[in-house]
N, C-alpha and C. Protein backbone atom coordinates (compact mmCIF):
# COMPACT_ATOMS: atom_id res chain seq x y z
N UNK A 1 7.85 42.17 -26.52
CA UNK A 1 8.85 43.12 -26.97
C UNK A 1 9.70 43.62 -25.81
N UNK A 2 9.08 43.71 -24.65
CA UNK A 2 9.83 44.24 -23.51
C UNK A 2 11.04 43.38 -23.18
N UNK A 3 10.91 42.06 -23.30
CA UNK A 3 12.03 41.16 -23.01
C UNK A 3 13.17 41.39 -24.01
N UNK A 4 12.84 41.58 -25.27
CA UNK A 4 13.87 41.84 -26.28
C UNK A 4 14.59 43.15 -26.03
N UNK A 5 13.81 44.21 -25.74
CA UNK A 5 14.43 45.50 -25.44
C UNK A 5 15.27 45.43 -24.16
N UNK A 6 14.83 44.65 -23.19
CA UNK A 6 15.61 44.50 -21.96
C UNK A 6 16.96 43.86 -22.23
N UNK A 7 16.98 42.84 -23.06
CA UNK A 7 18.26 42.20 -23.41
C UNK A 7 19.17 43.17 -24.14
N UNK A 8 18.61 43.93 -25.10
CA UNK A 8 19.42 44.91 -25.82
C UNK A 8 19.93 45.98 -24.86
N UNK A 9 19.05 46.45 -23.98
CA UNK A 9 19.40 47.45 -22.98
C UNK A 9 20.56 46.96 -22.11
N UNK A 10 20.43 45.77 -21.54
CA UNK A 10 21.49 45.24 -20.67
C UNK A 10 22.75 44.91 -21.45
N UNK A 11 22.59 44.48 -22.69
CA UNK A 11 23.76 44.21 -23.52
C UNK A 11 24.58 45.46 -23.74
N UNK A 12 23.91 46.59 -24.01
CA UNK A 12 24.66 47.84 -24.21
C UNK A 12 25.29 48.32 -22.91
N UNK A 13 24.65 48.06 -21.79
CA UNK A 13 25.29 48.39 -20.51
C UNK A 13 26.56 47.56 -20.35
N UNK A 14 26.50 46.28 -20.68
CA UNK A 14 27.67 45.41 -20.56
C UNK A 14 28.77 45.78 -21.55
N UNK A 15 28.39 46.23 -22.75
CA UNK A 15 29.39 46.69 -23.72
C UNK A 15 30.09 47.94 -23.18
N UNK A 16 29.33 48.80 -22.52
CA UNK A 16 29.88 50.05 -22.01
C UNK A 16 30.81 49.83 -20.83
N UNK A 17 30.46 48.90 -19.95
CA UNK A 17 31.25 48.66 -18.75
C UNK A 17 32.14 47.45 -18.98
N UNK A 18 33.44 47.68 -19.00
CA UNK A 18 34.39 46.58 -19.16
C UNK A 18 34.81 46.10 -17.78
N UNK A 19 34.52 44.86 -17.49
CA UNK A 19 34.86 44.31 -16.18
C UNK A 19 36.07 43.39 -16.35
N UNK A 20 37.15 43.76 -15.67
CA UNK A 20 38.34 42.91 -15.72
C UNK A 20 38.96 42.86 -14.33
N UNK A 21 39.63 41.78 -14.08
CA UNK A 21 40.30 41.56 -12.82
C UNK A 21 41.78 41.40 -13.13
N UNK A 22 42.54 42.45 -12.86
CA UNK A 22 43.94 42.43 -13.28
C UNK A 22 43.99 42.46 -14.79
N UNK A 23 44.65 41.51 -15.39
CA UNK A 23 44.70 41.43 -16.84
C UNK A 23 43.65 40.50 -17.42
N UNK A 24 42.88 39.85 -16.57
CA UNK A 24 41.88 38.90 -17.02
C UNK A 24 40.54 39.60 -17.21
N UNK A 25 40.02 39.51 -18.42
CA UNK A 25 38.73 40.12 -18.72
C UNK A 25 37.62 39.19 -18.23
N UNK A 26 36.84 39.67 -17.27
CA UNK A 26 35.76 38.87 -16.69
C UNK A 26 34.56 38.84 -17.63
N UNK A 27 34.21 39.98 -18.16
CA UNK A 27 33.05 40.07 -19.04
C UNK A 27 33.46 40.75 -20.35
N UNK A 28 33.88 39.97 -21.34
CA UNK A 28 34.34 40.55 -22.59
C UNK A 28 33.19 41.12 -23.42
N UNK A 29 33.53 42.03 -24.31
CA UNK A 29 32.53 42.68 -25.16
C UNK A 29 31.83 41.68 -26.06
N UNK A 30 32.52 40.60 -26.42
CA UNK A 30 31.88 39.62 -27.31
C UNK A 30 30.66 38.99 -26.64
N UNK A 31 30.70 38.78 -25.34
CA UNK A 31 29.54 38.24 -24.62
C UNK A 31 28.41 39.28 -24.59
N UNK A 32 28.76 40.53 -24.36
CA UNK A 32 27.75 41.58 -24.32
C UNK A 32 27.06 41.71 -25.68
N UNK A 33 27.82 41.60 -26.76
CA UNK A 33 27.21 41.68 -28.09
C UNK A 33 26.33 40.47 -28.37
N UNK A 34 26.66 39.33 -27.79
CA UNK A 34 25.78 38.16 -27.93
C UNK A 34 24.46 38.38 -27.19
N UNK A 35 24.52 39.06 -26.05
CA UNK A 35 23.29 39.41 -25.32
C UNK A 35 22.43 40.35 -26.17
N UNK A 36 23.08 41.33 -26.80
CA UNK A 36 22.37 42.26 -27.69
C UNK A 36 21.75 41.49 -28.85
N UNK A 37 22.53 40.59 -29.46
CA UNK A 37 22.02 39.80 -30.58
C UNK A 37 20.82 38.95 -30.15
N UNK A 38 20.88 38.41 -28.94
CA UNK A 38 19.76 37.63 -28.42
C UNK A 38 18.50 38.49 -28.28
N UNK A 39 18.67 39.71 -27.78
CA UNK A 39 17.54 40.63 -27.67
C UNK A 39 16.97 41.01 -29.03
N UNK A 40 17.85 41.24 -29.99
CA UNK A 40 17.39 41.58 -31.34
C UNK A 40 16.65 40.40 -31.95
N UNK A 41 17.15 39.20 -31.70
CA UNK A 41 16.48 38.01 -32.21
C UNK A 41 15.06 37.90 -31.65
N UNK A 42 14.91 38.20 -30.37
CA UNK A 42 13.58 38.19 -29.75
C UNK A 42 12.68 39.25 -30.37
N UNK A 43 13.22 40.44 -30.57
CA UNK A 43 12.44 41.52 -31.18
C UNK A 43 12.07 41.18 -32.61
N UNK A 44 12.98 40.53 -33.30
CA UNK A 44 12.75 40.17 -34.70
C UNK A 44 11.59 39.18 -34.84
N UNK A 45 11.39 38.35 -33.84
CA UNK A 45 10.29 37.39 -33.91
C UNK A 45 8.94 38.05 -33.66
N UNK A 46 8.93 39.14 -32.90
CA UNK A 46 7.68 39.86 -32.63
C UNK A 46 7.35 40.81 -33.77
N UNK A 47 8.35 41.52 -34.26
CA UNK A 47 8.18 42.55 -35.28
C UNK A 47 9.11 42.23 -36.45
N UNK A 48 8.59 41.57 -37.45
CA UNK A 48 9.43 41.09 -38.55
C UNK A 48 9.72 42.24 -39.51
N UNK A 49 10.94 42.75 -39.43
CA UNK A 49 11.41 43.80 -40.33
C UNK A 49 12.85 43.48 -40.70
N UNK A 50 13.23 43.90 -41.88
CA UNK A 50 14.60 43.62 -42.33
C UNK A 50 15.64 44.35 -41.46
N UNK A 51 15.26 45.47 -40.88
CA UNK A 51 16.21 46.21 -40.03
C UNK A 51 16.65 45.37 -38.83
N UNK A 52 15.72 44.58 -38.28
CA UNK A 52 16.09 43.72 -37.15
C UNK A 52 17.11 42.68 -37.60
N UNK A 53 16.92 42.10 -38.79
CA UNK A 53 17.85 41.10 -39.30
C UNK A 53 19.23 41.72 -39.52
N UNK A 54 19.26 42.91 -40.10
CA UNK A 54 20.54 43.58 -40.35
C UNK A 54 21.24 43.92 -39.03
N UNK A 55 20.49 44.45 -38.07
CA UNK A 55 21.11 44.79 -36.79
C UNK A 55 21.57 43.54 -36.06
N UNK A 56 20.85 42.44 -36.23
CA UNK A 56 21.26 41.16 -35.66
C UNK A 56 22.61 40.73 -36.26
N UNK A 57 22.74 40.87 -37.57
CA UNK A 57 24.01 40.53 -38.23
C UNK A 57 25.15 41.40 -37.74
N UNK A 58 24.90 42.69 -37.59
CA UNK A 58 25.95 43.59 -37.10
C UNK A 58 26.34 43.27 -35.66
N UNK A 59 25.36 42.90 -34.85
CA UNK A 59 25.67 42.53 -33.46
C UNK A 59 26.53 41.26 -33.42
N UNK A 60 26.21 40.28 -34.26
CA UNK A 60 27.03 39.07 -34.31
C UNK A 60 28.44 39.37 -34.83
N UNK A 61 28.54 40.26 -35.82
CA UNK A 61 29.86 40.65 -36.32
C UNK A 61 30.67 41.34 -35.23
N UNK A 62 30.03 42.21 -34.45
CA UNK A 62 30.73 42.87 -33.35
C UNK A 62 31.14 41.87 -32.28
N UNK A 63 30.35 40.84 -32.07
CA UNK A 63 30.73 39.80 -31.13
C UNK A 63 31.99 39.08 -31.62
N UNK A 64 32.04 38.79 -32.91
CA UNK A 64 33.22 38.13 -33.47
C UNK A 64 34.46 39.02 -33.34
N UNK A 65 34.29 40.31 -33.59
CA UNK A 65 35.42 41.23 -33.46
C UNK A 65 35.84 41.36 -31.99
N UNK A 66 34.86 41.34 -31.10
CA UNK A 66 35.18 41.36 -29.67
C UNK A 66 36.01 40.15 -29.28
N UNK A 67 35.70 39.00 -29.87
CA UNK A 67 36.50 37.80 -29.62
C UNK A 67 37.92 37.98 -30.17
N UNK A 68 38.04 38.61 -31.34
CA UNK A 68 39.38 38.88 -31.90
C UNK A 68 40.19 39.79 -30.97
N UNK A 69 39.52 40.78 -30.36
CA UNK A 69 40.21 41.65 -29.40
C UNK A 69 40.74 40.86 -28.21
N UNK A 70 40.03 39.80 -27.85
CA UNK A 70 40.48 38.97 -26.73
C UNK A 70 41.74 38.18 -27.08
N UNK A 71 41.80 37.65 -28.30
CA UNK A 71 42.89 36.74 -28.66
C UNK A 71 44.03 37.40 -29.40
N UNK A 72 43.83 38.56 -30.00
CA UNK A 72 44.87 39.17 -30.82
C UNK A 72 46.16 39.52 -30.06
N UNK A 73 46.11 39.94 -28.81
CA UNK A 73 47.38 40.23 -28.13
C UNK A 73 48.29 39.01 -28.01
N UNK A 74 47.69 37.85 -27.92
CA UNK A 74 48.50 36.63 -27.77
C UNK A 74 49.19 36.24 -29.07
N UNK A 75 48.67 36.71 -30.20
CA UNK A 75 49.23 36.31 -31.48
C UNK A 75 50.05 37.39 -32.16
N UNK A 76 49.72 38.66 -31.94
CA UNK A 76 50.37 39.71 -32.72
C UNK A 76 51.34 40.58 -31.95
N UNK A 77 51.08 40.87 -30.71
CA UNK A 77 51.86 41.87 -29.99
C UNK A 77 53.34 41.53 -29.92
N UNK A 78 53.66 40.29 -29.72
CA UNK A 78 55.06 39.93 -29.56
C UNK A 78 55.80 39.85 -30.89
N UNK A 79 55.09 39.75 -32.02
CA UNK A 79 55.75 39.56 -33.30
C UNK A 79 56.12 40.87 -33.98
N UNK A 80 55.18 41.78 -34.10
CA UNK A 80 55.44 43.02 -34.82
C UNK A 80 54.58 44.13 -34.24
N UNK A 81 55.22 45.12 -33.64
CA UNK A 81 54.49 46.22 -33.01
C UNK A 81 53.69 47.03 -33.99
N UNK A 82 54.22 47.28 -35.20
CA UNK A 82 53.52 48.09 -36.19
C UNK A 82 52.30 47.33 -36.72
N UNK A 83 52.46 46.05 -36.98
CA UNK A 83 51.33 45.25 -37.45
C UNK A 83 50.24 45.19 -36.38
N UNK A 84 50.64 45.02 -35.14
CA UNK A 84 49.70 44.99 -34.02
C UNK A 84 48.95 46.31 -33.94
N UNK A 85 49.66 47.41 -34.05
CA UNK A 85 49.04 48.74 -33.97
C UNK A 85 48.05 48.92 -35.12
N UNK A 86 48.44 48.55 -36.32
CA UNK A 86 47.58 48.72 -37.49
C UNK A 86 46.32 47.86 -37.39
N UNK A 87 46.48 46.60 -37.03
CA UNK A 87 45.32 45.71 -36.93
C UNK A 87 44.40 46.15 -35.81
N UNK A 88 44.97 46.57 -34.69
CA UNK A 88 44.16 47.06 -33.57
C UNK A 88 43.37 48.30 -33.99
N UNK A 89 44.01 49.24 -34.69
CA UNK A 89 43.33 50.45 -35.15
C UNK A 89 42.22 50.09 -36.14
N UNK A 90 42.49 49.16 -37.02
CA UNK A 90 41.49 48.74 -37.99
C UNK A 90 40.29 48.08 -37.31
N UNK A 91 40.56 47.23 -36.32
CA UNK A 91 39.47 46.58 -35.58
C UNK A 91 38.63 47.60 -34.81
N UNK A 92 39.30 48.59 -34.24
CA UNK A 92 38.56 49.64 -33.51
C UNK A 92 37.64 50.39 -34.47
N UNK A 93 38.15 50.74 -35.65
CA UNK A 93 37.34 51.45 -36.63
C UNK A 93 36.15 50.61 -37.08
N UNK A 94 36.39 49.35 -37.41
CA UNK A 94 35.31 48.47 -37.85
C UNK A 94 34.28 48.28 -36.74
N UNK A 95 34.75 48.16 -35.50
CA UNK A 95 33.84 48.01 -34.37
C UNK A 95 32.94 49.23 -34.23
N UNK A 96 33.52 50.43 -34.31
CA UNK A 96 32.70 51.64 -34.20
C UNK A 96 31.67 51.72 -35.33
N UNK A 97 32.08 51.38 -36.54
CA UNK A 97 31.15 51.44 -37.67
C UNK A 97 30.01 50.44 -37.47
N UNK A 98 30.36 49.20 -37.11
CA UNK A 98 29.32 48.19 -36.89
C UNK A 98 28.41 48.55 -35.72
N UNK A 99 29.01 49.12 -34.68
CA UNK A 99 28.20 49.53 -33.53
C UNK A 99 27.22 50.61 -33.92
N UNK A 100 27.69 51.61 -34.66
CA UNK A 100 26.79 52.68 -35.07
C UNK A 100 25.69 52.15 -35.98
N UNK A 101 26.02 51.26 -36.90
CA UNK A 101 25.01 50.69 -37.78
C UNK A 101 23.98 49.88 -36.99
N UNK A 102 24.45 49.09 -36.04
CA UNK A 102 23.52 48.30 -35.22
C UNK A 102 22.63 49.22 -34.40
N UNK A 103 23.21 50.22 -33.76
CA UNK A 103 22.42 51.15 -32.95
C UNK A 103 21.40 51.89 -33.81
N UNK A 104 21.83 52.33 -34.97
CA UNK A 104 20.93 53.05 -35.88
C UNK A 104 19.76 52.16 -36.29
N UNK A 105 20.06 50.94 -36.69
CA UNK A 105 19.01 50.04 -37.16
C UNK A 105 18.05 49.63 -36.04
N UNK A 106 18.58 49.46 -34.83
CA UNK A 106 17.71 49.12 -33.69
C UNK A 106 16.73 50.26 -33.43
N UNK A 107 17.24 51.48 -33.36
CA UNK A 107 16.34 52.62 -33.13
C UNK A 107 15.40 52.84 -34.30
N UNK A 108 15.89 52.66 -35.52
CA UNK A 108 15.04 52.85 -36.70
C UNK A 108 13.90 51.83 -36.72
N UNK A 109 14.21 50.58 -36.40
CA UNK A 109 13.16 49.55 -36.33
C UNK A 109 12.15 49.88 -35.22
N UNK A 110 12.65 50.36 -34.09
CA UNK A 110 11.75 50.75 -33.00
C UNK A 110 10.87 51.92 -33.42
N UNK A 111 11.44 52.87 -34.16
CA UNK A 111 10.66 54.01 -34.65
C UNK A 111 9.58 53.54 -35.62
N UNK A 112 9.94 52.61 -36.51
CA UNK A 112 8.93 52.08 -37.44
C UNK A 112 7.79 51.41 -36.69
N UNK A 113 8.14 50.67 -35.64
CA UNK A 113 7.10 50.01 -34.84
C UNK A 113 6.23 51.06 -34.14
N UNK A 114 6.88 52.13 -33.64
CA UNK A 114 6.12 53.20 -32.97
C UNK A 114 5.20 53.92 -33.95
N UNK A 115 5.62 54.05 -35.21
CA UNK A 115 4.79 54.73 -36.21
C UNK A 115 3.46 54.02 -36.39
N UNK A 116 3.51 52.70 -36.29
CA UNK A 116 2.27 51.93 -36.43
C UNK A 116 1.34 52.15 -35.25
N UNK A 117 1.89 52.49 -34.09
CA UNK A 117 1.09 52.61 -32.87
C UNK A 117 0.86 54.05 -32.43
N UNK A 118 1.91 54.90 -32.55
CA UNK A 118 1.85 56.23 -31.97
C UNK A 118 2.78 57.15 -32.77
N UNK A 119 2.24 57.99 -33.63
CA UNK A 119 3.06 58.79 -34.53
C UNK A 119 3.85 59.88 -33.81
N UNK A 120 3.31 60.45 -32.74
CA UNK A 120 4.05 61.51 -32.03
C UNK A 120 5.29 60.92 -31.35
N UNK A 121 5.17 59.74 -30.80
CA UNK A 121 6.31 59.06 -30.19
C UNK A 121 7.36 58.75 -31.25
N UNK A 122 6.92 58.33 -32.43
CA UNK A 122 7.84 58.02 -33.52
C UNK A 122 8.60 59.27 -33.96
N UNK A 123 7.93 60.41 -34.05
CA UNK A 123 8.61 61.66 -34.44
C UNK A 123 9.67 62.05 -33.41
N UNK A 124 9.35 61.87 -32.14
CA UNK A 124 10.30 62.20 -31.07
C UNK A 124 11.57 61.36 -31.22
N UNK A 125 11.41 60.06 -31.38
CA UNK A 125 12.58 59.19 -31.48
C UNK A 125 13.31 59.35 -32.81
N UNK A 126 12.61 59.75 -33.87
CA UNK A 126 13.26 59.99 -35.15
C UNK A 126 14.22 61.17 -35.04
N UNK A 127 13.81 62.24 -34.36
CA UNK A 127 14.71 63.39 -34.20
C UNK A 127 15.89 63.04 -33.30
N UNK A 128 15.65 62.22 -32.27
CA UNK A 128 16.73 61.77 -31.40
C UNK A 128 17.72 60.95 -32.19
N UNK A 129 17.22 60.06 -33.05
CA UNK A 129 18.08 59.21 -33.85
C UNK A 129 18.96 60.01 -34.80
N UNK A 130 18.39 61.01 -35.46
CA UNK A 130 19.16 61.83 -36.39
C UNK A 130 20.29 62.55 -35.66
N UNK A 131 19.98 63.19 -34.55
CA UNK A 131 21.00 63.91 -33.80
C UNK A 131 22.07 62.99 -33.26
N UNK A 132 21.66 61.87 -32.70
CA UNK A 132 22.61 60.91 -32.15
C UNK A 132 23.56 60.39 -33.23
N UNK A 133 23.02 60.05 -34.39
CA UNK A 133 23.84 59.50 -35.47
C UNK A 133 24.89 60.49 -35.93
N UNK A 134 24.49 61.73 -36.13
CA UNK A 134 25.44 62.75 -36.60
C UNK A 134 26.53 62.98 -35.55
N UNK A 135 26.14 63.16 -34.30
CA UNK A 135 27.13 63.42 -33.25
C UNK A 135 28.06 62.23 -33.07
N UNK A 136 27.52 61.02 -33.07
CA UNK A 136 28.36 59.83 -32.90
C UNK A 136 29.35 59.70 -34.05
N UNK A 137 28.91 59.97 -35.28
CA UNK A 137 29.82 59.90 -36.43
C UNK A 137 30.96 60.89 -36.30
N UNK A 138 30.66 62.12 -35.96
CA UNK A 138 31.69 63.15 -35.84
C UNK A 138 32.67 62.81 -34.72
N UNK A 139 32.15 62.44 -33.56
CA UNK A 139 33.02 62.11 -32.43
C UNK A 139 33.89 60.89 -32.75
N UNK A 140 33.32 59.90 -33.42
CA UNK A 140 34.09 58.71 -33.77
C UNK A 140 35.18 59.03 -34.77
N UNK A 141 34.88 59.89 -35.75
CA UNK A 141 35.92 60.26 -36.73
C UNK A 141 37.05 61.02 -36.05
N UNK A 142 36.72 61.93 -35.17
CA UNK A 142 37.75 62.68 -34.43
C UNK A 142 38.54 61.72 -33.55
N UNK A 143 37.85 60.81 -32.89
CA UNK A 143 38.51 59.83 -32.02
C UNK A 143 39.48 58.96 -32.81
N UNK A 144 39.02 58.45 -33.93
CA UNK A 144 39.88 57.58 -34.72
C UNK A 144 41.06 58.36 -35.30
N UNK A 145 40.83 59.60 -35.74
CA UNK A 145 41.92 60.43 -36.26
C UNK A 145 42.96 60.69 -35.18
N UNK A 146 42.52 61.01 -33.98
CA UNK A 146 43.46 61.27 -32.89
C UNK A 146 44.20 60.00 -32.50
N UNK A 147 43.53 58.87 -32.63
CA UNK A 147 44.15 57.58 -32.34
C UNK A 147 45.28 57.30 -33.33
N UNK A 148 45.04 57.67 -34.60
CA UNK A 148 46.04 57.42 -35.63
C UNK A 148 47.25 58.34 -35.50
N UNK A 149 47.04 59.59 -35.07
CA UNK A 149 48.17 60.52 -34.93
C UNK A 149 48.72 60.54 -33.51
N UNK A 150 48.19 59.68 -32.69
CA UNK A 150 48.60 59.53 -31.30
C UNK A 150 48.39 60.80 -30.49
N UNK A 151 47.24 61.43 -30.70
CA UNK A 151 46.83 62.58 -29.90
C UNK A 151 46.12 62.09 -28.66
N UNK A 152 46.89 61.82 -27.62
CA UNK A 152 46.35 61.17 -26.42
C UNK A 152 45.27 62.02 -25.75
N UNK A 153 45.47 63.32 -25.65
CA UNK A 153 44.47 64.16 -24.98
C UNK A 153 43.15 64.16 -25.75
N UNK A 154 43.23 64.29 -27.06
CA UNK A 154 42.01 64.30 -27.88
C UNK A 154 41.34 62.94 -27.80
N UNK A 155 42.13 61.88 -27.86
CA UNK A 155 41.57 60.52 -27.79
C UNK A 155 40.87 60.30 -26.45
N UNK A 156 41.44 60.84 -25.38
CA UNK A 156 40.82 60.70 -24.06
C UNK A 156 39.49 61.44 -24.00
N UNK A 157 39.47 62.65 -24.52
CA UNK A 157 38.24 63.45 -24.51
C UNK A 157 37.16 62.78 -25.36
N UNK A 158 37.55 62.33 -26.56
CA UNK A 158 36.56 61.69 -27.42
C UNK A 158 36.10 60.35 -26.85
N UNK A 159 36.97 59.66 -26.13
CA UNK A 159 36.55 58.41 -25.48
C UNK A 159 35.46 58.71 -24.45
N UNK A 160 35.63 59.78 -23.71
CA UNK A 160 34.60 60.18 -22.73
C UNK A 160 33.30 60.57 -23.43
N UNK A 161 33.42 61.29 -24.55
CA UNK A 161 32.22 61.66 -25.30
C UNK A 161 31.50 60.42 -25.83
N UNK A 162 32.25 59.45 -26.32
CA UNK A 162 31.65 58.21 -26.80
C UNK A 162 30.95 57.49 -25.66
N UNK A 163 31.56 57.50 -24.49
CA UNK A 163 30.93 56.89 -23.32
C UNK A 163 29.61 57.59 -23.00
N UNK A 164 29.61 58.91 -22.99
CA UNK A 164 28.38 59.65 -22.70
C UNK A 164 27.33 59.41 -23.78
N UNK A 165 27.75 59.34 -25.04
CA UNK A 165 26.80 59.07 -26.11
C UNK A 165 26.19 57.67 -25.97
N UNK A 166 27.00 56.72 -25.57
CA UNK A 166 26.48 55.36 -25.39
C UNK A 166 25.49 55.33 -24.22
N UNK A 167 25.79 56.05 -23.16
CA UNK A 167 24.86 56.12 -22.03
C UNK A 167 23.55 56.78 -22.47
N UNK A 168 23.65 57.83 -23.27
CA UNK A 168 22.46 58.49 -23.80
C UNK A 168 21.64 57.50 -24.63
N UNK A 169 22.31 56.69 -25.44
CA UNK A 169 21.63 55.68 -26.25
C UNK A 169 20.93 54.66 -25.36
N UNK A 170 21.61 54.23 -24.32
CA UNK A 170 21.02 53.26 -23.39
C UNK A 170 19.77 53.84 -22.74
N UNK A 171 19.81 55.10 -22.36
CA UNK A 171 18.63 55.75 -21.77
C UNK A 171 17.48 55.79 -22.78
N UNK A 172 17.80 56.07 -24.05
CA UNK A 172 16.74 56.08 -25.07
C UNK A 172 16.14 54.69 -25.25
N UNK A 173 16.98 53.65 -25.21
CA UNK A 173 16.45 52.29 -25.29
C UNK A 173 15.53 51.99 -24.12
N UNK A 174 15.93 52.45 -22.95
CA UNK A 174 15.10 52.26 -21.76
C UNK A 174 13.75 52.97 -21.93
N UNK A 175 13.79 54.18 -22.47
CA UNK A 175 12.55 54.92 -22.69
C UNK A 175 11.65 54.23 -23.72
N UNK A 176 12.25 53.69 -24.77
CA UNK A 176 11.46 52.97 -25.77
C UNK A 176 10.85 51.73 -25.15
N UNK A 177 11.65 51.02 -24.36
CA UNK A 177 11.17 49.80 -23.73
C UNK A 177 9.95 50.08 -22.85
N UNK A 178 9.98 51.22 -22.16
CA UNK A 178 8.89 51.56 -21.22
C UNK A 178 7.80 52.42 -21.83
N UNK A 179 7.91 52.74 -23.12
CA UNK A 179 6.91 53.62 -23.72
C UNK A 179 5.63 52.86 -24.04
N UNK A 180 4.51 53.54 -23.94
CA UNK A 180 3.23 52.90 -24.27
C UNK A 180 3.05 52.87 -25.79
N UNK A 181 3.10 51.70 -26.35
CA UNK A 181 2.89 51.60 -27.79
C UNK A 181 1.43 51.78 -28.06
């Protein structure tokens, strides 16, 4: 299980950190989501639960959307600015929804596994999951709303909050990976 959690952990770090050189993206999000999907696949083989399969599907969908983010500027930006803006906004919204679903299902499956081994650890992560989900949903809705009305200051603040929330999630994954089952 540790290998699967490590892949998911590093995948989320790669999703969080965008590495580009000039205009060339060195490490696109689609690759990071494939690393996450690989980790989920490993976890799914050790602990067979439907939540792992669903989170695996969401990770693959996010990888496909990440690939669309790579190629869409070459096809849409020069043709119609409004269409480009709308499709980009829609992809961002779908990405956030899929990311939250994948993160929720990964933690929920980990909590279920912990319940079988250690109920106090499971209760701790269940409360973390509830708080994280609610805060991430609210921040994402505010972020997307500000994106739609072009509230740059609000979008910047919520982008930072999303970054901090993702880092918090990564730390929780690290703690689960190192916890004694």
